[in-house]
Amino acid sequence: MTNQFGARVKRCRIQRQLTQQQLADMCNLSKGMISKIESGKVMPAVATLSRIAHALNVKVSLLMEEGIERETVCESTLISLDEFNKSDVGYRFHALATGYGDKQIQPLVFYAKKGEVLTHRVSHQGEECIFIIEGNMHFTVGDTQYFLQQNDFLYFDGVHTHGIDNVDNEVRYLNLFYDSDYANRVFLEK
């Protein structure tokens, strides 16, 4: 997906007549990072994907999906790690239902392993829902840390800073991300 994602970012950027530097400035990224993303050398964190989508005035799903059809999609969340994209902060993710075009909700399966995930916090417009498929992790939303284990569910507003604090060993979870279209968008990454 990294090369396809990068090509979609580049295509949207060119259609909007933006230079790499202009897009970088809009996303608070470097021109070099935009170049690496477009060439498929780097897969950014999901919050960065969201920033890029907002700057290009498209849904995150448009940058991640392969199809334009709106047919029912049935998939398993038991996906080989080879099919996951590794983000620049260490977690891996795989977009689900990429064949369903123009989604309102972006379903993702995340995989995180102890020692690989960098502690980071993100904030973005929209809502998120996390469902733990297997494993355990400590996840913070705002000032509250949650210990999440298999079958636990967490729903929150993305404007609150949030992120993985640590993983006991390995965790795989479903994340449903609703990319709302608020006028005032705030994004933080540390």
N, C-alpha and C. Protein backbone atom coordinates (compact mmCIF):
# COMPACT_ATOMS: atom_id res chain seq x y z
N MET A 1 0.81 -1.20 0.00
CA MET A 1 0.00 0.00 0.00
C MET A 1 0.85 1.26 0.00
N THR A 2 2.09 1.21 0.51
CA THR A 2 2.92 2.40 0.63
C THR A 2 3.09 3.10 -0.70
N ASN A 3 3.46 2.36 -1.76
CA ASN A 3 3.65 2.98 -3.07
C ASN A 3 2.34 3.50 -3.63
N GLN A 4 1.25 2.74 -3.46
CA GLN A 4 -0.05 3.18 -3.96
C GLN A 4 -0.52 4.42 -3.21
N PHE A 5 -0.33 4.44 -1.90
CA PHE A 5 -0.71 5.59 -1.10
C PHE A 5 0.07 6.82 -1.56
N GLY A 6 1.38 6.67 -1.71
CA GLY A 6 2.22 7.78 -2.15
C GLY A 6 1.80 8.31 -3.51
N ALA A 7 1.47 7.41 -4.41
CA ALA A 7 1.04 7.83 -5.75
C ALA A 7 -0.29 8.59 -5.67
N ARG A 8 -1.17 8.16 -4.77
CA ARG A 8 -2.45 8.87 -4.61
C ARG A 8 -2.24 10.27 -4.04
N VAL A 9 -1.33 10.38 -3.07
CA VAL A 9 -1.01 11.70 -2.49
C VAL A 9 -0.47 12.61 -3.59
N LYS A 10 0.46 12.10 -4.35
CA LYS A 10 1.07 12.90 -5.43
C LYS A 10 0.02 13.33 -6.45
N ARG A 11 -0.84 12.39 -6.85
CA ARG A 11 -1.89 12.70 -7.84
C ARG A 11 -2.82 13.80 -7.31
N CYS A 12 -3.24 13.68 -6.05
CA CYS A 12 -4.13 14.70 -5.47
C CYS A 12 -3.41 16.04 -5.35
N ARG A 13 -2.14 16.01 -4.97
CA ARG A 13 -1.37 17.25 -4.83
C ARG A 13 -1.26 17.96 -6.16
N ILE A 14 -0.95 17.21 -7.20
CA ILE A 14 -0.81 17.79 -8.54
C ILE A 14 -2.15 18.31 -9.05
N GLN A 15 -3.24 17.56 -8.81
CA GLN A 15 -4.57 18.01 -9.22
C GLN A 15 -4.95 19.32 -8.55
N ARG A 16 -4.47 19.53 -7.35
CA ARG A 16 -4.77 20.78 -6.63
C ARG A 16 -3.72 21.85 -6.87
N GLN A 17 -2.80 21.56 -7.80
CA GLN A 17 -1.77 22.51 -8.23
C GLN A 17 -0.93 23.01 -7.06
N LEU A 18 -0.53 22.07 -6.20
CA LEU A 18 0.32 22.39 -5.06
C LEU A 18 1.71 21.83 -5.29
N THR A 19 2.72 22.55 -4.85
CA THR A 19 4.07 22.00 -4.86
C THR A 19 4.25 21.14 -3.62
N GLN A 20 5.30 20.35 -3.61
CA GLN A 20 5.59 19.56 -2.41
C GLN A 20 5.80 20.48 -1.21
N GLN A 21 6.46 21.61 -1.43
CA GLN A 21 6.71 22.53 -0.33
C GLN A 21 5.41 23.13 0.21
N GLN A 22 4.50 23.47 -0.68
CA GLN A 22 3.21 24.02 -0.24
C GLN A 22 2.44 22.99 0.59
N LEU A 23 2.40 21.75 0.12
CA LEU A 23 1.71 20.71 0.88
C LEU A 23 2.40 20.49 2.22
N ALA A 24 3.72 20.47 2.21
CA ALA A 24 4.47 20.29 3.46
C ALA A 24 4.14 21.40 4.45
N ASP A 25 4.10 22.63 3.98
CA ASP A 25 3.77 23.76 4.85
C ASP A 25 2.37 23.63 5.43
N MET A 26 1.42 23.19 4.61
CA MET A 26 0.04 23.03 5.06
C MET A 26 -0.09 21.94 6.13
N CYS A 27 0.80 20.95 6.08
CA CYS A 27 0.74 19.80 6.99
C CYS A 27 1.74 19.89 8.13
N ASN A 28 2.52 20.96 8.16
CA ASN A 28 3.57 21.12 9.17
C ASN A 28 4.57 19.97 9.09
N LEU A 29 4.94 19.62 7.86
CA LEU A 29 5.93 18.59 7.58
C LEU A 29 7.05 19.20 6.75
N SER A 30 8.12 18.47 6.56
CA SER A 30 9.19 18.94 5.68
C SER A 30 8.89 18.53 4.24
N LYS A 31 9.47 19.26 3.30
CA LYS A 31 9.33 18.90 1.89
C LYS A 31 9.92 17.50 1.66
N GLY A 32 11.03 17.21 2.36
CA GLY A 32 11.66 15.89 2.24
C GLY A 32 10.73 14.77 2.67
N MET A 33 9.94 15.01 3.72
CA MET A 33 9.00 13.99 4.18
C MET A 33 7.91 13.77 3.13
N ILE A 34 7.40 14.84 2.55
CA ILE A 34 6.38 14.70 1.49
C ILE A 34 6.97 13.90 0.33
N SER A 35 8.20 14.20 -0.04
CA SER A 35 8.87 13.47 -1.13
C SER A 35 8.99 11.99 -0.80
N LYS A 36 9.39 11.66 0.44
CA LYS A 36 9.52 10.26 0.85
C LYS A 36 8.17 9.55 0.84
N ILE A 37 7.13 10.26 1.26
CA ILE A 37 5.78 9.67 1.27
C ILE A 37 5.33 9.40 -0.16
N GLU A 38 5.49 10.40 -1.03
CA GLU A 38 5.04 10.24 -2.42
C GLU A 38 5.81 9.15 -3.17
N SER A 39 7.08 8.96 -2.82
CA SER A 39 7.88 7.94 -3.50
C SER A 39 7.73 6.55 -2.86
N GLY A 40 6.95 6.47 -1.76
CA GLY A 40 6.71 5.19 -1.12
C GLY A 40 7.81 4.74 -0.20
N LYS A 41 8.73 5.64 0.16
CA LYS A 41 9.83 5.27 1.05
C LYS A 41 9.43 5.31 2.52
N VAL A 42 8.38 6.10 2.85
CA VAL A 42 7.93 6.24 4.23
C VAL A 42 6.41 6.12 4.27
N MET A 43 5.93 5.38 5.27
CA MET A 43 4.50 5.35 5.54
C MET A 43 4.29 6.10 6.84
N PRO A 44 3.65 7.27 6.76
CA PRO A 44 3.49 8.08 7.96
C PRO A 44 2.44 7.50 8.92
N ALA A 45 2.46 8.02 10.13
CA ALA A 45 1.46 7.65 11.13
C ALA A 45 0.08 8.06 10.63
N VAL A 46 -0.96 7.43 11.16
CA VAL A 46 -2.33 7.69 10.71
C VAL A 46 -2.72 9.16 10.92
N ALA A 47 -2.28 9.78 12.00
CA ALA A 47 -2.60 11.20 12.22
C ALA A 47 -1.98 12.07 11.12
N THR A 48 -0.78 11.69 10.66
CA THR A 48 -0.15 12.43 9.55
C THR A 48 -0.94 12.20 8.27
N LEU A 49 -1.41 10.98 8.05
CA LEU A 49 -2.25 10.70 6.89
C LEU A 49 -3.48 11.61 6.91
N SER A 50 -4.04 11.77 8.08
CA SER A 50 -5.22 12.61 8.24
C SER A 50 -4.90 14.07 7.91
N ARG A 51 -3.74 14.54 8.37
CA ARG A 51 -3.32 15.92 8.07
C ARG A 51 -3.18 16.13 6.56
N ILE A 52 -2.55 15.17 5.90
CA ILE A 52 -2.34 15.27 4.46
C ILE A 52 -3.70 15.28 3.75
N ALA A 53 -4.59 14.39 4.15
CA ALA A 53 -5.92 14.32 3.53
C ALA A 53 -6.66 15.65 3.69
N HIS A 54 -6.62 16.23 4.89
CA HIS A 54 -7.29 17.50 5.12
C HIS A 54 -6.68 18.61 4.28
N ALA A 55 -5.36 18.63 4.17
CA ALA A 55 -4.68 19.65 3.37
C ALA A 55 -5.06 19.52 1.89
N LEU A 56 -5.25 18.28 1.44
CA LEU A 56 -5.64 18.04 0.05
C LEU A 56 -7.15 18.10 -0.15
N ASN A 57 -7.88 18.30 0.95
CA ASN A 57 -9.34 18.39 0.93
C ASN A 57 -9.99 17.11 0.41
N VAL A 58 -9.46 15.97 0.88
CA VAL A 58 -10.03 14.67 0.54
C VAL A 58 -10.18 13.86 1.83
N LYS A 59 -10.95 12.81 1.78
CA LYS A 59 -11.09 11.90 2.92
C LYS A 59 -9.85 11.02 3.01
N VAL A 60 -9.51 10.63 4.22
CA VAL A 60 -8.41 9.69 4.42
C VAL A 60 -8.65 8.44 3.59
N SER A 61 -9.87 7.98 3.57
CA SER A 61 -10.19 6.75 2.84
C SER A 61 -9.86 6.86 1.36
N LEU A 62 -9.99 8.04 0.77
CA LEU A 62 -9.68 8.21 -0.65
C LEU A 62 -8.20 7.93 -0.90
N LEU A 63 -7.35 8.31 0.03
CA LEU A 63 -5.91 8.07 -0.13
C LEU A 63 -5.54 6.61 0.13
N MET A 64 -6.37 5.90 0.89
CA MET A 64 -6.03 4.53 1.29
C MET A 64 -6.74 3.47 0.45
N GLU A 65 -7.84 3.82 -0.19
CA GLU A 65 -8.63 2.78 -0.83
C GLU A 65 -8.19 2.54 -2.27
N GLU A 66 -8.49 1.35 -2.72
CA GLU A 66 -8.12 0.93 -4.06
C GLU A 66 -9.26 1.07 -5.05
N GLY A 67 -10.48 0.98 -4.57
CA GLY A 67 -11.60 0.94 -5.48
C GLY A 67 -12.51 2.14 -5.35
N ILE A 68 -13.47 2.20 -6.26
CA ILE A 68 -14.47 3.26 -6.21
C ILE A 68 -15.87 2.67 -6.07
N GLU A 69 -15.93 1.35 -6.10
CA GLU A 69 -17.22 0.68 -5.96
C GLU A 69 -17.74 0.81 -4.54
N ARG A 70 -19.04 0.71 -4.37
CA ARG A 70 -19.64 0.77 -3.05
C ARG A 70 -20.39 -0.53 -2.77
N GLU A 71 -19.69 -1.62 -3.02
CA GLU A 71 -20.25 -2.95 -2.79
C GLU A 71 -19.84 -3.44 -1.41
N THR A 72 -20.64 -4.30 -0.84
CA THR A 72 -20.35 -4.88 0.48
C THR A 72 -18.99 -5.59 0.45
N VAL A 73 -18.24 -5.39 1.53
CA VAL A 73 -16.91 -6.00 1.65
C VAL A 73 -16.91 -6.88 2.89
N CYS A 74 -16.43 -8.10 2.76
CA CYS A 74 -16.30 -9.03 3.88
C CYS A 74 -14.83 -9.45 3.95
N GLU A 75 -14.17 -9.16 5.09
CA GLU A 75 -12.75 -9.48 5.25
C GLU A 75 -12.50 -10.01 6.65
N SER A 76 -11.40 -10.71 6.81
CA SER A 76 -10.95 -11.16 8.12
C SER A 76 -9.97 -10.15 8.68
N THR A 77 -9.93 -10.02 10.00
CA THR A 77 -8.92 -9.17 10.63
C THR A 77 -7.67 -9.97 10.97
N LEU A 78 -7.66 -11.27 10.67
CA LEU A 78 -6.47 -12.10 10.86
C LEU A 78 -5.62 -12.00 9.61
N ILE A 79 -4.78 -10.98 9.59
CA ILE A 79 -4.01 -10.61 8.40
C ILE A 79 -2.54 -10.89 8.67
N SER A 80 -1.85 -11.40 7.68
CA SER A 80 -0.41 -11.65 7.81
C SER A 80 0.32 -10.33 8.03
N LEU A 81 1.33 -10.35 8.89
CA LEU A 81 2.10 -9.13 9.16
C LEU A 81 2.76 -8.58 7.89
N ASP A 82 2.97 -9.43 6.90
CA ASP A 82 3.54 -8.97 5.63
C ASP A 82 2.62 -7.98 4.93
N GLU A 83 1.33 -8.01 5.23
CA GLU A 83 0.37 -7.13 4.59
C GLU A 83 0.19 -5.81 5.35
N PHE A 84 0.86 -5.66 6.48
CA PHE A 84 0.76 -4.44 7.27
C PHE A 84 1.80 -3.42 6.81
N ASN A 85 1.46 -2.16 6.90
CA ASN A 85 2.41 -1.07 6.64
C ASN A 85 2.98 -0.62 7.97
N LYS A 86 4.30 -0.46 8.04
CA LYS A 86 4.92 0.00 9.27
C LYS A 86 5.00 1.53 9.24
N SER A 87 4.45 2.14 10.28
CA SER A 87 4.45 3.60 10.36
C SER A 87 5.81 4.10 10.85
N ASP A 88 6.00 5.39 10.72
CA ASP A 88 7.25 5.99 11.17
C ASP A 88 7.37 6.07 12.69
N VAL A 89 6.32 5.70 13.43
CA VAL A 89 6.40 5.66 14.90
C VAL A 89 6.38 4.22 15.43
N GLY A 90 6.51 3.23 14.54
CA GLY A 90 6.73 1.86 14.96
C GLY A 90 5.56 0.91 14.94
N TYR A 91 4.32 1.41 14.96
CA TYR A 91 3.21 0.46 14.88
C TYR A 91 2.97 0.10 13.42
N ARG A 92 2.26 -0.98 13.23
CA ARG A 92 1.91 -1.42 11.87
C ARG A 92 0.40 -1.31 11.73
N PHE A 93 -0.06 -1.06 10.51
CA PHE A 93 -1.49 -0.99 10.29
C PHE A 93 -1.84 -1.49 8.89
N HIS A 94 -3.07 -1.92 8.78
CA HIS A 94 -3.60 -2.44 7.51
C HIS A 94 -5.00 -1.87 7.32
N ALA A 95 -5.23 -1.21 6.21
CA ALA A 95 -6.55 -0.66 5.92
C ALA A 95 -7.47 -1.78 5.47
N LEU A 96 -8.67 -1.80 6.01
CA LEU A 96 -9.69 -2.77 5.63
C LEU A 96 -10.66 -2.12 4.65
N ALA A 97 -11.35 -2.93 3.91
CA ALA A 97 -12.40 -2.48 2.98
C ALA A 97 -11.88 -1.46 1.98
N THR A 98 -10.66 -1.67 1.50
CA THR A 98 -10.08 -0.71 0.55
C THR A 98 -10.82 -0.72 -0.79
N GLY A 99 -11.57 -1.76 -1.07
CA GLY A 99 -12.34 -1.81 -2.30
C GLY A 99 -13.66 -1.06 -2.24
N TYR A 100 -14.02 -0.59 -1.06
CA TYR A 100 -15.27 0.16 -0.88
C TYR A 100 -14.94 1.64 -0.98
N GLY A 101 -15.41 2.27 -2.02
CA GLY A 101 -15.04 3.66 -2.28
C GLY A 101 -15.79 4.69 -1.46
N ASP A 102 -15.13 5.81 -1.21
CA ASP A 102 -15.71 6.98 -0.57
C ASP A 102 -16.35 6.66 0.78
N LYS A 103 -15.58 5.97 1.62
CA LYS A 103 -16.08 5.57 2.95
C LYS A 103 -16.24 6.77 3.87
N GLN A 104 -17.20 6.68 4.78
CA GLN A 104 -17.36 7.66 5.85
C GLN A 104 -16.51 7.27 7.06
N ILE A 105 -16.30 5.98 7.23
CA ILE A 105 -15.53 5.43 8.33
C ILE A 105 -14.34 4.67 7.75
N GLN A 106 -13.16 4.90 8.28
CA GLN A 106 -11.98 4.17 7.82
C GLN A 106 -11.64 3.08 8.83
N PRO A 107 -11.88 1.80 8.47
CA PRO A 107 -11.51 0.71 9.37
C PRO A 107 -10.06 0.30 9.15
N LEU A 108 -9.32 0.17 10.24
CA LEU A 108 -7.92 -0.21 10.20
C LEU A 108 -7.66 -1.29 11.24
N VAL A 109 -6.76 -2.20 10.94
CA VAL A 109 -6.27 -3.15 11.93
C VAL A 109 -4.85 -2.72 12.26
N PHE A 110 -4.58 -2.55 13.55
CA PHE A 110 -3.26 -2.16 14.02
C PHE A 110 -2.58 -3.33 14.70
N TYR A 111 -1.26 -3.37 14.60
CA TYR A 111 -0.43 -4.34 15.29
C TYR A 111 0.71 -3.56 15.94
N ALA A 112 0.92 -3.77 17.22
CA ALA A 112 2.01 -3.11 17.92
C ALA A 112 2.74 -4.13 18.77
N LYS A 113 4.04 -4.00 18.82
CA LYS A 113 4.87 -4.93 19.58
C LYS A 113 5.74 -4.14 20.56
N LYS A 114 5.88 -4.70 21.73
CA LYS A 114 6.70 -4.07 22.78
C LYS A 114 8.09 -3.78 22.23
N GLY A 115 8.58 -2.58 22.50
CA GLY A 115 9.91 -2.18 22.07
C GLY A 115 9.98 -1.60 20.67
N GLU A 116 8.91 -1.72 19.87
CA GLU A 116 8.91 -1.18 18.51
C GLU A 116 8.16 0.14 18.40
N VAL A 117 7.13 0.31 19.25
CA VAL A 117 6.30 1.50 19.16
C VAL A 117 6.92 2.64 19.96
N LEU A 118 7.10 3.78 19.32
CA LEU A 118 7.60 4.96 20.01
C LEU A 118 6.43 5.64 20.73
N THR A 119 6.69 6.10 21.95
CA THR A 119 5.64 6.84 22.66
C THR A 119 5.37 8.12 21.88
N HIS A 120 4.15 8.35 21.56
CA HIS A 120 3.76 9.54 20.80
C HIS A 120 2.33 9.90 21.14
N ARG A 121 1.97 11.13 20.87
CA ARG A 121 0.60 11.59 21.08
C ARG A 121 0.14 12.28 19.80
N VAL A 122 -1.10 12.04 19.45
CA VAL A 122 -1.69 12.68 18.28
C VAL A 122 -3.02 13.31 18.68
N SER A 123 -3.45 14.23 17.88
CA SER A 123 -4.74 14.87 18.05
C SER A 123 -5.25 15.21 16.66
N HIS A 124 -6.52 14.98 16.42
CA HIS A 124 -7.08 15.24 15.10
C HIS A 124 -8.59 15.36 15.23
N GLN A 125 -9.21 15.90 14.24
CA GLN A 125 -10.67 15.96 14.22
C GLN A 125 -11.21 14.57 13.93
N GLY A 126 -12.38 14.31 14.40
CA GLY A 126 -13.03 13.03 14.14
C GLY A 126 -13.13 12.20 15.40
N GLU A 127 -13.71 11.05 15.25
CA GLU A 127 -13.91 10.14 16.36
C GLU A 127 -13.21 8.82 16.06
N GLU A 128 -12.83 8.12 17.13
CA GLU A 128 -12.18 6.83 16.98
C GLU A 128 -12.82 5.81 17.90
N CYS A 129 -12.77 4.59 17.45
CA CYS A 129 -13.25 3.45 18.24
C CYS A 129 -12.17 2.38 18.14
N ILE A 130 -11.73 1.89 19.28
CA ILE A 130 -10.71 0.84 19.33
C ILE A 130 -11.34 -0.40 19.95
N PHE A 131 -11.12 -1.55 19.31
CA PHE A 131 -11.57 -2.84 19.84
C PHE A 131 -10.36 -3.78 19.83
N ILE A 132 -9.98 -4.28 20.99
CA ILE A 132 -8.81 -5.14 21.12
C ILE A 132 -9.15 -6.55 20.64
N ILE A 133 -8.47 -6.99 19.62
CA ILE A 133 -8.66 -8.34 19.07
C ILE A 133 -7.88 -9.35 19.90
N GLU A 134 -6.59 -9.02 20.15
CA GLU A 134 -5.76 -9.88 20.99
C GLU A 134 -4.64 -9.06 21.60
N GLY A 135 -4.20 -9.45 22.79
CA GLY A 135 -3.11 -8.78 23.47
C GLY A 135 -3.59 -7.71 24.43
N ASN A 136 -2.62 -6.96 24.98
CA ASN A 136 -2.89 -5.91 25.96
C ASN A 136 -2.06 -4.68 25.64
N MET A 137 -2.59 -3.52 26.00
CA MET A 137 -1.80 -2.30 25.86
C MET A 137 -2.33 -1.23 26.81
N HIS A 138 -1.49 -0.27 27.09
CA HIS A 138 -1.86 0.91 27.85
C HIS A 138 -2.03 2.03 26.83
N PHE A 139 -3.18 2.67 26.85
CA PHE A 139 -3.53 3.69 25.86
C PHE A 139 -4.05 4.90 26.62
N THR A 140 -3.56 6.08 26.27
CA THR A 140 -3.97 7.30 26.95
C THR A 140 -4.83 8.16 26.04
N VAL A 141 -5.92 8.68 26.62
CA VAL A 141 -6.76 9.69 25.96
C VAL A 141 -6.84 10.85 26.94
N GLY A 142 -6.38 12.03 26.49
CA GLY A 142 -6.34 13.18 27.39
C GLY A 142 -5.40 12.89 28.55
N ASP A 143 -5.90 13.01 29.76
CA ASP A 143 -5.09 12.76 30.96
C ASP A 143 -5.34 11.39 31.57
N THR A 144 -6.14 10.56 30.89
CA THR A 144 -6.52 9.26 31.46
C THR A 144 -5.87 8.12 30.71
N GLN A 145 -5.21 7.23 31.44
CA GLN A 145 -4.61 6.05 30.84
C GLN A 145 -5.55 4.86 31.04
N TYR A 146 -5.73 4.08 29.99
CA TYR A 146 -6.60 2.90 30.02
C TYR A 146 -5.74 1.67 29.79
N PHE A 147 -6.00 0.62 30.56
CA PHE A 147 -5.40 -0.68 30.29
C PHE A 147 -6.41 -1.45 29.47
N LEU A 148 -6.07 -1.76 28.25
CA LEU A 148 -6.98 -2.45 27.34
C LEU A 148 -6.48 -3.86 27.09
N GLN A 149 -7.41 -4.80 27.17
CA GLN A 149 -7.08 -6.20 26.89
C GLN A 149 -8.12 -6.78 25.94
N GLN A 150 -7.90 -8.01 25.55
CA GLN A 150 -8.76 -8.66 24.56
C GLN A 150 -10.24 -8.42 24.85
N ASN A 151 -10.97 -8.02 23.82
CA ASN A 151 -12.41 -7.73 23.83
C ASN A 151 -12.78 -6.40 24.48
N ASP A 152 -11.79 -5.60 24.90
CA ASP A 152 -12.10 -4.28 25.43
C ASP A 152 -12.37 -3.31 24.28
N PHE A 153 -13.13 -2.29 24.60
CA PHE A 153 -13.64 -1.33 23.63
C PHE A 153 -13.40 0.07 24.18
N LEU A 154 -12.91 0.98 23.34
CA LEU A 154 -12.67 2.37 23.75
C LEU A 154 -13.15 3.28 22.63
N TYR A 155 -13.98 4.26 22.97
CA TYR A 155 -14.53 5.22 21.99
C TYR A 155 -14.20 6.61 22.48
N PHE A 156 -13.66 7.48 21.61
CA PHE A 156 -13.26 8.81 22.07
C PHE A 156 -13.24 9.81 20.91
N ASP A 157 -13.21 11.06 21.29
CA ASP A 157 -13.11 12.17 20.34
C ASP A 157 -11.63 12.39 20.03
N GLY A 158 -11.28 12.38 18.77
CA GLY A 158 -9.88 12.49 18.36
C GLY A 158 -9.22 13.81 18.70
N VAL A 159 -9.98 14.83 19.06
CA VAL A 159 -9.35 16.11 19.41
C VAL A 159 -8.57 16.01 20.72
N HIS A 160 -8.89 15.00 21.54
CA HIS A 160 -8.14 14.77 22.76
C HIS A 160 -6.82 14.08 22.39
N THR A 161 -5.71 14.58 22.90
CA THR A 161 -4.45 13.92 22.59
C THR A 161 -4.54 12.47 23.05
N HIS A 162 -4.00 11.58 22.23
CA HIS A 162 -4.11 10.16 22.52
C HIS A 162 -2.96 9.39 21.90
N GLY A 163 -2.75 8.19 22.41
CA GLY A 163 -1.73 7.32 21.84
C GLY A 163 -1.40 6.16 22.73
N ILE A 164 -0.63 5.24 22.17
CA ILE A 164 -0.19 4.04 22.89
C ILE A 164 0.93 4.45 23.84
N ASP A 165 0.82 4.03 25.10
CA ASP A 165 1.90 4.25 26.06
C ASP A 165 2.87 3.07 26.05
N ASN A 166 2.34 1.89 26.19
CA ASN A 166 3.18 0.71 26.07
C ASN A 166 2.32 -0.51 25.78
N VAL A 167 3.00 -1.52 25.28
CA VAL A 167 2.37 -2.78 24.92
C VAL A 167 3.00 -3.85 25.79
N ASP A 168 2.17 -4.68 26.43
CA ASP A 168 2.72 -5.73 27.29
C ASP A 168 3.60 -6.70 26.51
N ASN A 169 3.22 -7.09 25.36
CA ASN A 169 4.00 -7.96 24.48
C ASN A 169 3.66 -7.61 23.04
N GLU A 170 2.48 -8.03 22.60
CA GLU A 170 1.97 -7.70 21.27
C GLU A 170 0.49 -7.41 21.41
N VAL A 171 -0.01 -6.54 20.56
CA VAL A 171 -1.44 -6.26 20.55
C VAL A 171 -1.88 -6.08 19.10
N ARG A 172 -3.06 -6.59 18.83
CA ARG A 172 -3.70 -6.40 17.53
C ARG A 172 -5.08 -5.83 17.83
N TYR A 173 -5.43 -4.72 17.19
CA TYR A 173 -6.72 -4.11 17.47
C TYR A 173 -7.34 -3.49 16.23
N LEU A 174 -8.64 -3.45 16.26
CA LEU A 174 -9.42 -2.81 15.21
C LEU A 174 -9.63 -1.36 15.60
N ASN A 175 -9.38 -0.46 14.68
CA ASN A 175 -9.58 0.97 14.91
C ASN A 175 -10.52 1.48 13.83
N LEU A 176 -11.64 2.02 14.27
CA LEU A 176 -12.58 2.65 13.34
C LEU A 176 -12.39 4.15 13.49
N PHE A 177 -12.04 4.80 12.40
CA PHE A 177 -11.71 6.21 12.40
C PHE A 177 -12.73 6.95 11.54
N TYR A 178 -13.44 7.86 12.17
CA TYR A 178 -14.40 8.68 11.44
C TYR A 178 -13.75 10.03 11.18
N ASP A 179 -13.57 10.36 9.92
CA ASP A 179 -12.90 11.59 9.52
C ASP A 179 -13.93 12.68 9.30
N SER A 180 -14.22 13.41 10.36
CA SER A 180 -15.23 14.46 10.26
C SER A 180 -14.67 15.68 9.54
N ASP A 181 -15.53 16.59 9.20
CA ASP A 181 -15.12 17.75 8.42
C ASP A 181 -15.39 19.03 9.19
N TYR A 182 -14.72 19.17 10.34
CA TYR A 182 -14.87 20.38 11.12
C TYR A 182 -14.04 21.50 10.51
N ALA A 183 -14.44 22.73 10.77
CA ALA A 183 -13.72 23.88 10.22
C ALA A 183 -12.36 24.07 10.89
N ASN A 184 -12.29 23.94 12.21
CA ASN A 184 -11.03 24.15 12.93
C ASN A 184 -10.38 22.81 13.20
N ARG A 185 -9.31 22.52 12.48
CA ARG A 185 -8.62 21.24 12.61
C ARG A 185 -7.34 21.45 13.40
N VAL A 186 -7.09 20.59 14.36
CA VAL A 186 -5.88 20.68 15.18
C VAL A 186 -5.17 19.34 15.13
N PHE A 187 -3.89 19.36 14.86
CA PHE A 187 -3.11 18.13 14.81
C PHE A 187 -1.84 18.31 15.61
N LEU A 188 -1.53 17.37 16.46
CA LEU A 188 -0.30 17.39 17.25
C LEU A 188 0.39 16.06 17.11
N GLU A 189 1.68 16.08 16.95
CA GLU A 189 2.47 14.84 17.00
C GLU A 189 3.73 15.15 17.76
N LYS A 190 4.08 14.29 18.67
CA LYS A 190 5.32 14.46 19.43
C LYS A 190 6.24 13.30 19.16
